[in-house]
Amino acid sequence: MIEHILDLTQRSARLSVRYGQLVVETPDQPAWTLPVQELAVLILANPQVSLTQPVLAALTEAGGVCIICDGACRPAGLLLPLVQHHVQTE
């Protein structure tokens, strides 16, 4: 399986999910999609990125990780999937 890293540091974007695809809309490009199953890491460092809750739910259900950065582009938070973790099922 192909695993991508989507780094949204340099540009603003709006993220949503449609039919199992992550939809990325940026002001300077037409919207493009990426299968959520192929996304390993989502890095959110630009303060003008907006997303819907289903984006985070689909990402974690697929086993992906979301890293949220502060104003200086340093990691401030981490969203990890719990459903697939072996400790969670015990």
PDB file of N, CA and C in Angstrom:
ATOM      1  N   MET A   1       0.842  -1.180   0.000  1.00  0.00           N
ATOM      2  CA  MET A   1       0.000   0.000   0.000  1.00  0.00           C
ATOM      3  C   MET A   1       0.888   1.245   0.000  1.00  0.00           C
ATOM      4  N   ILE A   2       0.467   2.242  -0.747  1.00  0.00           N
ATOM      5  CA  ILE A   2       1.174   3.519  -0.801  1.00  0.00           C
ATOM      6  C   ILE A   2       0.735   4.354   0.396  1.00  0.00           C
ATOM      7  N   GLU A   3       1.688   4.940   1.088  1.00  0.00           N
ATOM      8  CA  GLU A   3       1.356   5.811   2.210  1.00  0.00           C
ATOM      9  C   GLU A   3       1.965   7.185   1.960  1.00  0.00           C
ATOM     10  N   HIS A   4       1.102   8.191   1.952  1.00  0.00           N
ATOM     11  CA  HIS A   4       1.525   9.556   1.663  1.00  0.00           C
ATOM     12  C   HIS A   4       1.597  10.382   2.944  1.00  0.00           C
ATOM     13  N   ILE A   5       2.398  11.424   2.902  1.00  0.00           N
ATOM     14  CA  ILE A   5       2.442  12.438   3.939  1.00  0.00           C
ATOM     15  C   ILE A   5       1.939  13.725   3.298  1.00  0.00           C
ATOM     16  N   LEU A   6       0.888  14.293   3.868  1.00  0.00           N
ATOM     17  CA  LEU A   6       0.338  15.551   3.358  1.00  0.00           C
ATOM     18  C   LEU A   6       0.722  16.651   4.335  1.00  0.00           C
ATOM     19  N   ASP A   7       1.598  17.540   3.877  1.00  0.00           N
ATOM     20  CA  ASP A   7       2.111  18.631   4.709  1.00  0.00           C
ATOM     21  C   ASP A   7       1.480  19.941   4.253  1.00  0.00           C
ATOM     22  N   LEU A   8       0.640  20.515   5.082  1.00  0.00           N
ATOM     23  CA  LEU A   8      -0.017  21.786   4.766  1.00  0.00           C
ATOM     24  C   LEU A   8       0.627  22.897   5.586  1.00  0.00           C
ATOM     25  N   THR A   9       1.879  23.169   5.295  1.00  0.00           N
ATOM     26  CA  THR A   9       2.633  24.213   5.981  1.00  0.00           C
ATOM     27  C   THR A   9       2.635  25.505   5.184  1.00  0.00           C
ATOM     28  N   GLN A  10       2.819  25.410   3.890  1.00  0.00           N
ATOM     29  CA  GLN A  10       3.031  26.578   3.049  1.00  0.00           C
ATOM     30  C   GLN A  10       1.757  27.200   2.484  1.00  0.00           C
ATOM     31  N   ARG A  11       0.638  26.483   2.505  1.00  0.00           N
ATOM     32  CA  ARG A  11      -0.558  27.020   1.857  1.00  0.00           C
ATOM     33  C   ARG A  11      -1.803  26.780   2.691  1.00  0.00           C
ATOM     34  N   SER A  12      -2.770  27.653   2.512  1.00  0.00           N
ATOM     35  CA  SER A  12      -4.057  27.465   3.167  1.00  0.00           C
ATOM     36  C   SER A  12      -4.852  26.442   2.355  1.00  0.00           C
ATOM     37  N   ALA A  13      -5.752  25.759   3.030  1.00  0.00           N
ATOM     38  CA  ALA A  13      -6.542  24.732   2.357  1.00  0.00           C
ATOM     39  C   ALA A  13      -7.803  24.456   3.161  1.00  0.00           C
ATOM     40  N   ARG A  14      -8.780  23.882   2.477  1.00  0.00           N
ATOM     41  CA  ARG A  14      -9.996  23.395   3.109  1.00  0.00           C
ATOM     42  C   ARG A  14     -10.065  21.905   2.832  1.00  0.00           C
ATOM     43  N   LEU A  15     -10.185  21.104   3.883  1.00  0.00           N
ATOM     44  CA  LEU A  15     -10.196  19.652   3.759  1.00  0.00           C
ATOM     45  C   LEU A  15     -11.571  19.111   4.089  1.00  0.00           C
ATOM     46  N   SER A  16     -12.014  18.161   3.297  1.00  0.00           N
ATOM     47  CA  SER A  16     -13.271  17.461   3.562  1.00  0.00           C
ATOM     48  C   SER A  16     -13.140  16.043   3.026  1.00  0.00           C
ATOM     49  N   VAL A  17     -14.129  15.209   3.328  1.00  0.00           N
ATOM     50  CA  VAL A  17     -14.132  13.830   2.859  1.00  0.00           C
ATOM     51  C   VAL A  17     -15.374  13.607   2.011  1.00  0.00           C
ATOM     52  N   ARG A  18     -15.172  12.965   0.853  1.00  0.00           N
ATOM     53  CA  ARG A  18     -16.284  12.633  -0.024  1.00  0.00           C
ATOM     54  C   ARG A  18     -16.006  11.263  -0.639  1.00  0.00           C
ATOM     55  N   TYR A  19     -16.892  10.301  -0.402  1.00  0.00           N
ATOM     56  CA  TYR A  19     -16.783   8.951  -0.975  1.00  0.00           C
ATOM     57  C   TYR A  19     -15.438   8.290  -0.662  1.00  0.00           C
ATOM     58  N   GLY A  20     -14.964   8.427   0.566  1.00  0.00           N
ATOM     59  CA  GLY A  20     -13.708   7.809   0.966  1.00  0.00           C
ATOM     60  C   GLY A  20     -12.464   8.507   0.443  1.00  0.00           C
ATOM     61  N   GLN A  21     -12.640   9.678  -0.121  1.00  0.00           N
ATOM     62  CA  GLN A  21     -11.527  10.450  -0.658  1.00  0.00           C
ATOM     63  C   GLN A  21     -11.359  11.731   0.152  1.00  0.00           C
ATOM     64  N   LEU A  22     -10.133  12.081   0.450  1.00  0.00           N
ATOM     65  CA  LEU A  22      -9.834  13.361   1.070  1.00  0.00           C
ATOM     66  C   LEU A  22      -9.846  14.417  -0.026  1.00  0.00           C
ATOM     67  N   VAL A  23     -10.681  15.422   0.122  1.00  0.00           N
ATOM     68  CA  VAL A  23     -10.784  16.495  -0.867  1.00  0.00           C
ATOM     69  C   VAL A  23     -10.008  17.688  -0.339  1.00  0.00           C
ATOM     70  N   VAL A  24      -9.035  18.156  -1.118  1.00  0.00           N
ATOM     71  CA  VAL A  24      -8.196  19.281  -0.736  1.00  0.00           C
ATOM     72  C   VAL A  24      -8.502  20.431  -1.681  1.00  0.00           C
ATOM     73  N   GLU A  25      -8.993  21.525  -1.133  1.00  0.00           N
ATOM     74  CA  GLU A  25      -9.300  22.718  -1.919  1.00  0.00           C
ATOM     75  C   GLU A  25      -8.358  23.833  -1.483  1.00  0.00           C
ATOM     76  N   THR A  26      -7.598  24.370  -2.450  1.00  0.00           N
ATOM     77  CA  THR A  26      -6.700  25.492  -2.186  1.00  0.00           C
ATOM     78  C   THR A  26      -7.110  26.657  -3.066  1.00  0.00           C
ATOM     79  N   PRO A  27      -6.797  27.880  -2.647  1.00  0.00           N
ATOM     80  CA  PRO A  27      -7.228  29.041  -3.422  1.00  0.00           C
ATOM     81  C   PRO A  27      -6.615  29.120  -4.822  1.00  0.00           C
ATOM     82  N   ASP A  28      -5.400  28.586  -5.001  1.00  0.00           N
ATOM     83  CA  ASP A  28      -4.700  28.760  -6.266  1.00  0.00           C
ATOM     84  C   ASP A  28      -4.735  27.552  -7.194  1.00  0.00           C
ATOM     85  N   GLN A  29      -5.377  26.449  -6.771  1.00  0.00           N
ATOM     86  CA  GLN A  29      -5.435  25.244  -7.596  1.00  0.00           C
ATOM     87  C   GLN A  29      -6.843  24.667  -7.570  1.00  0.00           C
ATOM     88  N   PRO A  30      -7.199  23.897  -8.590  1.00  0.00           N
ATOM     89  CA  PRO A  30      -8.488  23.205  -8.521  1.00  0.00           C
ATOM     90  C   PRO A  30      -8.450  22.136  -7.434  1.00  0.00           C
ATOM     91  N   ALA A  31      -9.613  21.769  -6.930  1.00  0.00           N
ATOM     92  CA  ALA A  31      -9.692  20.757  -5.875  1.00  0.00           C
ATOM     93  C   ALA A  31      -9.127  19.431  -6.394  1.00  0.00           C
ATOM     94  N   TRP A  32      -8.426  18.727  -5.522  1.00  0.00           N
ATOM     95  CA  TRP A  32      -7.900  17.413  -5.871  1.00  0.00           C
ATOM     96  C   TRP A  32      -8.186  16.454  -4.728  1.00  0.00           C
ATOM     97  N   THR A  33      -8.135  15.163  -5.030  1.00  0.00           N
ATOM     98  CA  THR A  33      -8.501  14.153  -4.039  1.00  0.00           C
ATOM     99  C   THR A  33      -7.363  13.154  -3.854  1.00  0.00           C
ATOM    100  N   LEU A  34      -7.433  12.495  -2.702  1.00  0.00           N
ATOM    101  CA  LEU A  34      -6.476  11.464  -2.332  1.00  0.00           C
ATOM    102  C   LEU A  34      -7.231  10.427  -1.516  1.00  0.00           C
ATOM    103  N   PRO A  35      -7.107   9.142  -1.819  1.00  0.00           N
ATOM    104  CA  PRO A  35      -7.780   8.141  -0.992  1.00  0.00           C
ATOM    105  C   PRO A  35      -7.303   8.229   0.456  1.00  0.00           C
ATOM    106  N   VAL A  36      -8.245   8.255   1.379  1.00  0.00           N
ATOM    107  CA  VAL A  36      -7.898   8.374   2.802  1.00  0.00           C
ATOM    108  C   VAL A  36      -7.052   7.179   3.235  1.00  0.00           C
ATOM    109  N   GLN A  37      -7.292   6.014   2.657  1.00  0.00           N
ATOM    110  CA  GLN A  37      -6.532   4.808   3.017  1.00  0.00           C
ATOM    111  C   GLN A  37      -5.047   4.945   2.700  1.00  0.00           C
ATOM    112  N   GLU A  38      -4.688   5.835   1.772  1.00  0.00           N
ATOM    113  CA  GLU A  38      -3.287   6.006   1.385  1.00  0.00           C
ATOM    114  C   GLU A  38      -2.576   7.097   2.175  1.00  0.00           C
ATOM    115  N   LEU A  39      -3.284   7.759   3.075  1.00  0.00           N
ATOM    116  CA  LEU A  39      -2.701   8.862   3.831  1.00  0.00           C
ATOM    117  C   LEU A  39      -2.185   8.348   5.173  1.00  0.00           C
ATOM    118  N   ALA A  40      -0.879   8.446   5.383  1.00  0.00           N
ATOM    119  CA  ALA A  40      -0.269   7.986   6.629  1.00  0.00           C
ATOM    120  C   ALA A  40      -0.177   9.111   7.654  1.00  0.00           C
ATOM    121  N   VAL A  41       0.203  10.318   7.186  1.00  0.00           N
ATOM    122  CA  VAL A  41       0.407  11.451   8.092  1.00  0.00           C
ATOM    123  C   VAL A  41      -0.186  12.706   7.473  1.00  0.00           C
ATOM    124  N   LEU A  42      -0.914  13.459   8.283  1.00  0.00           N
ATOM    125  CA  LEU A  42      -1.445  14.762   7.897  1.00  0.00           C
ATOM    126  C   LEU A  42      -0.825  15.788   8.837  1.00  0.00           C
ATOM    127  N   ILE A  43      -0.060  16.739   8.275  1.00  0.00           N
ATOM    128  CA  ILE A  43       0.598  17.766   9.072  1.00  0.00           C
ATOM    129  C   ILE A  43      -0.128  19.086   8.842  1.00  0.00           C
ATOM    130  N   LEU A  44      -0.676  19.653   9.906  1.00  0.00           N
ATOM    131  CA  LEU A  44      -1.420  20.912   9.834  1.00  0.00           C
ATOM    132  C   LEU A  44      -0.609  21.999  10.523  1.00  0.00           C
ATOM    133  N   ALA A  45       0.088  22.825   9.744  1.00  0.00           N
ATOM    134  CA  ALA A  45       0.926  23.874  10.314  1.00  0.00           C
ATOM    135  C   ALA A  45       0.491  25.268   9.898  1.00  0.00           C
ATOM    136  N   ASN A  46      -0.321  25.374   8.865  1.00  0.00           N
ATOM    137  CA  ASN A  46      -0.790  26.677   8.411  1.00  0.00           C
ATOM    138  C   ASN A  46      -2.034  27.066   9.197  1.00  0.00           C
ATOM    139  N   PRO A  47      -2.093  28.274   9.770  1.00  0.00           N
ATOM    140  CA  PRO A  47      -3.261  28.659  10.570  1.00  0.00           C
ATOM    141  C   PRO A  47      -4.528  28.852   9.736  1.00  0.00           C
ATOM    142  N   GLN A  48      -4.413  28.856   8.414  1.00  0.00           N
ATOM    143  CA  GLN A  48      -5.583  29.041   7.567  1.00  0.00           C
ATOM    144  C   GLN A  48      -6.069  27.737   6.947  1.00  0.00           C
ATOM    145  N   VAL A  49      -5.776  26.626   7.583  1.00  0.00           N
ATOM    146  CA  VAL A  49      -6.306  25.335   7.148  1.00  0.00           C
ATOM    147  C   VAL A  49      -7.584  25.074   7.937  1.00  0.00           C
ATOM    148  N   SER A  50      -8.638  24.710   7.228  1.00  0.00           N
ATOM    149  CA  SER A  50      -9.876  24.328   7.896  1.00  0.00           C
ATOM    150  C   SER A  50     -10.258  22.925   7.443  1.00  0.00           C
ATOM    151  N   LEU A  51     -10.877  22.182   8.347  1.00  0.00           N
ATOM    152  CA  LEU A  51     -11.262  20.822   8.023  1.00  0.00           C
ATOM    153  C   LEU A  51     -12.528  20.441   8.768  1.00  0.00           C
ATOM    154  N   THR A  52     -13.158  19.391   8.292  1.00  0.00           N
ATOM    155  CA  THR A  52     -14.371  18.901   8.935  1.00  0.00           C
ATOM    156  C   THR A  52     -14.019  17.740   9.864  1.00  0.00           C
ATOM    157  N   GLN A  53     -14.887  17.456  10.797  1.00  0.00           N
ATOM    158  CA  GLN A  53     -14.651  16.373  11.739  1.00  0.00           C
ATOM    159  C   GLN A  53     -14.545  15.020  11.027  1.00  0.00           C
ATOM    160  N   PRO A  54     -15.323  14.763   9.975  1.00  0.00           N
ATOM    161  CA  PRO A  54     -15.154  13.489   9.274  1.00  0.00           C
ATOM    162  C   PRO A  54     -13.753  13.278   8.684  1.00  0.00           C
ATOM    163  N   VAL A  55     -13.011  14.338   8.429  1.00  0.00           N
ATOM    164  CA  VAL A  55     -11.631  14.188   7.962  1.00  0.00           C
ATOM    165  C   VAL A  55     -10.804  13.502   9.042  1.00  0.00           C
ATOM    166  N   LEU A  56     -10.909  13.980  10.262  1.00  0.00           N
ATOM    167  CA  LEU A  56     -10.142  13.384  11.361  1.00  0.00           C
ATOM    168  C   LEU A  56     -10.614  11.966  11.653  1.00  0.00           C
ATOM    169  N   ALA A  57     -11.925  11.739  11.605  1.00  0.00           N
ATOM    170  CA  ALA A  57     -12.458  10.401  11.858  1.00  0.00           C
ATOM    171  C   ALA A  57     -11.996   9.414  10.786  1.00  0.00           C
ATOM    172  N   ALA A  58     -12.066   9.800   9.521  1.00  0.00           N
ATOM    173  CA  ALA A  58     -11.646   8.905   8.437  1.00  0.00           C
ATOM    174  C   ALA A  58     -10.150   8.632   8.491  1.00  0.00           C
ATOM    175  N   LEU A  59      -9.369   9.657   8.815  1.00  0.00           N
ATOM    176  CA  LEU A  59      -7.921   9.493   8.911  1.00  0.00           C
ATOM    177  C   LEU A  59      -7.551   8.491   9.989  1.00  0.00           C
ATOM    178  N   THR A  60      -8.127   8.642  11.171  1.00  0.00           N
ATOM    179  CA  THR A  60      -7.779   7.733  12.264  1.00  0.00           C
ATOM    180  C   THR A  60      -8.344   6.333  12.036  1.00  0.00           C
ATOM    181  N   GLU A  61      -9.526   6.217  11.414  1.00  0.00           N
ATOM    182  CA  GLU A  61     -10.068   4.897  11.092  1.00  0.00           C
ATOM    183  C   GLU A  61      -9.169   4.156  10.113  1.00  0.00           C
ATOM    184  N   ALA A  62      -8.505   4.895   9.236  1.00  0.00           N
ATOM    185  CA  ALA A  62      -7.595   4.289   8.260  1.00  0.00           C
ATOM    186  C   ALA A  62      -6.211   4.040   8.846  1.00  0.00           C
ATOM    187  N   GLY A  63      -5.990   4.437  10.100  1.00  0.00           N
ATOM    188  CA  GLY A  63      -4.695   4.216  10.748  1.00  0.00           C
ATOM    189  C   GLY A  63      -3.724   5.357  10.573  1.00  0.00           C
ATOM    190  N   GLY A  64      -4.192   6.498  10.077  1.00  0.00           N
ATOM    191  CA  GLY A  64      -3.332   7.653   9.873  1.00  0.00           C
ATOM    192  C   GLY A  64      -3.154   8.482  11.132  1.00  0.00           C
ATOM    193  N   VAL A  65      -2.199   9.386  11.085  1.00  0.00           N
ATOM    194  CA  VAL A  65      -1.844  10.243  12.205  1.00  0.00           C
ATOM    195  C   VAL A  65      -1.982  11.697  11.774  1.00  0.00           C
ATOM    196  N   CYS A  66      -2.445  12.555  12.676  1.00  0.00           N
ATOM    197  CA  CYS A  66      -2.552  13.984  12.401  1.00  0.00           C
ATOM    198  C   CYS A  66      -1.661  14.732  13.385  1.00  0.00           C
ATOM    199  N   ILE A  67      -0.778  15.570  12.854  1.00  0.00           N
ATOM    200  CA  ILE A  67       0.114  16.389  13.676  1.00  0.00           C
ATOM    201  C   ILE A  67      -0.320  17.841  13.530  1.00  0.00           C
ATOM    202  N   ILE A  68      -0.604  18.495  14.652  1.00  0.00           N
ATOM    203  CA  ILE A  68      -1.007  19.903  14.653  1.00  0.00           C
ATOM    204  C   ILE A  68       0.166  20.726  15.159  1.00  0.00           C
ATOM    205  N   CYS A  69       0.517  21.771  14.404  1.00  0.00           N
ATOM    206  CA  CYS A  69       1.669  22.603  14.758  1.00  0.00           C
ATOM    207  C   CYS A  69       1.217  23.969  15.256  1.00  0.00           C
ATOM    208  N   ASP A  70       2.092  24.622  16.034  1.00  0.00           N
ATOM    209  CA  ASP A  70       1.792  25.957  16.553  1.00  0.00           C
ATOM    210  C   ASP A  70       2.224  27.015  15.533  1.00  0.00           C
ATOM    211  N   GLY A  71       2.191  28.272  15.929  1.00  0.00           N
ATOM    212  CA  GLY A  71       2.523  29.375  15.043  1.00  0.00           C
ATOM    213  C   GLY A  71       3.961  29.376  14.553  1.00  0.00           C
ATOM    214  N   ALA A  72       4.850  28.715  15.265  1.00  0.00           N
ATOM    215  CA  ALA A  72       6.252  28.630  14.863  1.00  0.00           C
ATOM    216  C   ALA A  72       6.551  27.325  14.126  1.00  0.00           C
ATOM    217  N   CYS A  73       5.515  26.613  13.700  1.00  0.00           N
ATOM    218  CA  CYS A  73       5.630  25.338  12.968  1.00  0.00           C
ATOM    219  C   CYS A  73       6.275  24.231  13.795  1.00  0.00           C
ATOM    220  N   ARG A  74       6.145  24.320  15.108  1.00  0.00           N
ATOM    221  CA  ARG A  74       6.608  23.239  15.977  1.00  0.00           C
ATOM    222  C   ARG A  74       5.411  22.373  16.343  1.00  0.00           C
ATOM    223  N   PRO A  75       5.583  21.052  16.430  1.00  0.00           N
ATOM    224  CA  PRO A  75       4.463  20.180  16.791  1.00  0.00           C
ATOM    225  C   PRO A  75       3.880  20.561  18.151  1.00  0.00           C
ATOM    226  N   ALA A  76       2.560  20.746  18.181  1.00  0.00           N
ATOM    227  CA  ALA A  76       1.876  21.107  19.416  1.00  0.00           C
ATOM    228  C   ALA A  76       0.917  20.016  19.876  1.00  0.00           C
ATOM    229  N   GLY A  77       0.491  19.164  18.956  1.00  0.00           N
ATOM    230  CA  GLY A  77      -0.444  18.101  19.300  1.00  0.00           C
ATOM    231  C   GLY A  77      -0.368  16.966  18.299  1.00  0.00           C
ATOM    232  N   LEU A  78      -0.877  15.811  18.730  1.00  0.00           N
ATOM    233  CA  LEU A  78      -0.814  14.614  17.914  1.00  0.00           C
ATOM    234  C   LEU A  78      -2.110  13.842  18.089  1.00  0.00           C
ATOM    235  N   LEU A  79      -2.732  13.472  16.985  1.00  0.00           N
ATOM    236  CA  LEU A  79      -3.959  12.677  17.012  1.00  0.00           C
ATOM    237  C   LEU A  79      -3.614  11.290  16.496  1.00  0.00           C
ATOM    238  N   LEU A  80      -3.763  10.290  17.363  1.00  0.00           N
ATOM    239  CA  LEU A  80      -3.419   8.913  17.023  1.00  0.00           C
ATOM    240  C   LEU A  80      -4.670   8.053  16.983  1.00  0.00           C
ATOM    241  N   PRO A  81      -4.704   7.040  16.127  1.00  0.00           N
ATOM    242  CA  PRO A  81      -5.847   6.129  16.108  1.00  0.00           C
ATOM    243  C   PRO A  81      -5.835   5.222  17.341  1.00  0.00           C
ATOM    244  N   LEU A  82      -6.991   5.010  17.938  1.00  0.00           N
ATOM    245  CA  LEU A  82      -7.106   4.120  19.088  1.00  0.00           C
ATOM    246  C   LEU A  82      -7.770   2.798  18.746  1.00  0.00           C
ATOM    247  N   VAL A  83      -8.607   2.782  17.748  1.00  0.00           N
ATOM    248  CA  VAL A  83      -9.385   1.585  17.425  1.00  0.00           C
ATOM    249  C   VAL A  83      -8.496   0.415  17.078  1.00  0.00           C
ATOM    250  N   GLN A  84      -7.420   0.643  16.361  1.00  0.00           N
ATOM    251  CA  GLN A  84      -6.565  -0.448  15.918  1.00  0.00           C
ATOM    252  C   GLN A  84      -5.446  -0.773  16.891  1.00  0.00           C
ATOM    253  N   HIS A  85      -5.377  -0.076  17.996  1.00  0.00           N
ATOM    254  CA  HIS A  85      -4.311  -0.316  18.957  1.00  0.00           C
ATOM    255  C   HIS A  85      -4.656  -1.549  19.795  1.00  0.00           C
ATOM    256  N   HIS A  86      -3.711  -2.437  19.998  1.00  0.00           N
ATOM    257  CA  HIS A  86      -3.982  -3.680  20.716  1.00  0.00           C
ATOM    258  C   HIS A  86      -4.353  -3.450  22.175  1.00  0.00           C
ATOM    259  N   VAL A  87      -3.849  -2.421  22.819  1.00  0.00           N
ATOM    260  CA  VAL A  87      -4.173  -2.152  24.217  1.00  0.00           C
ATOM    261  C   VAL A  87      -5.634  -1.716  24.354  1.00  0.00           C
ATOM    262  N   GLN A  88      -6.120  -0.981  23.374  1.00  0.00           N
ATOM    263  CA  GLN A  88      -7.504  -0.497  23.410  1.00  0.00           C
ATOM    264  C   GLN A  88      -8.489  -1.671  23.401  1.00  0.00           C
ATOM    265  N   THR A  89      -8.192  -2.732  22.677  1.00  0.00           N
ATOM    266  CA  THR A  89      -9.110  -3.868  22.584  1.00  0.00           C
ATOM    267  C   THR A  89      -9.077  -4.730  23.836  1.00  0.00           C
ATOM    268  N   GLU A  90      -8.022  -4.649  24.639  1.00  0.00           N
ATOM    269  CA  GLU A  90      -7.943  -5.442  25.874  1.00  0.00           C
ATOM    270  C   GLU A  90      -8.853  -4.859  26.872  1.00  0.00           C
TER     271      GLU A  90
END
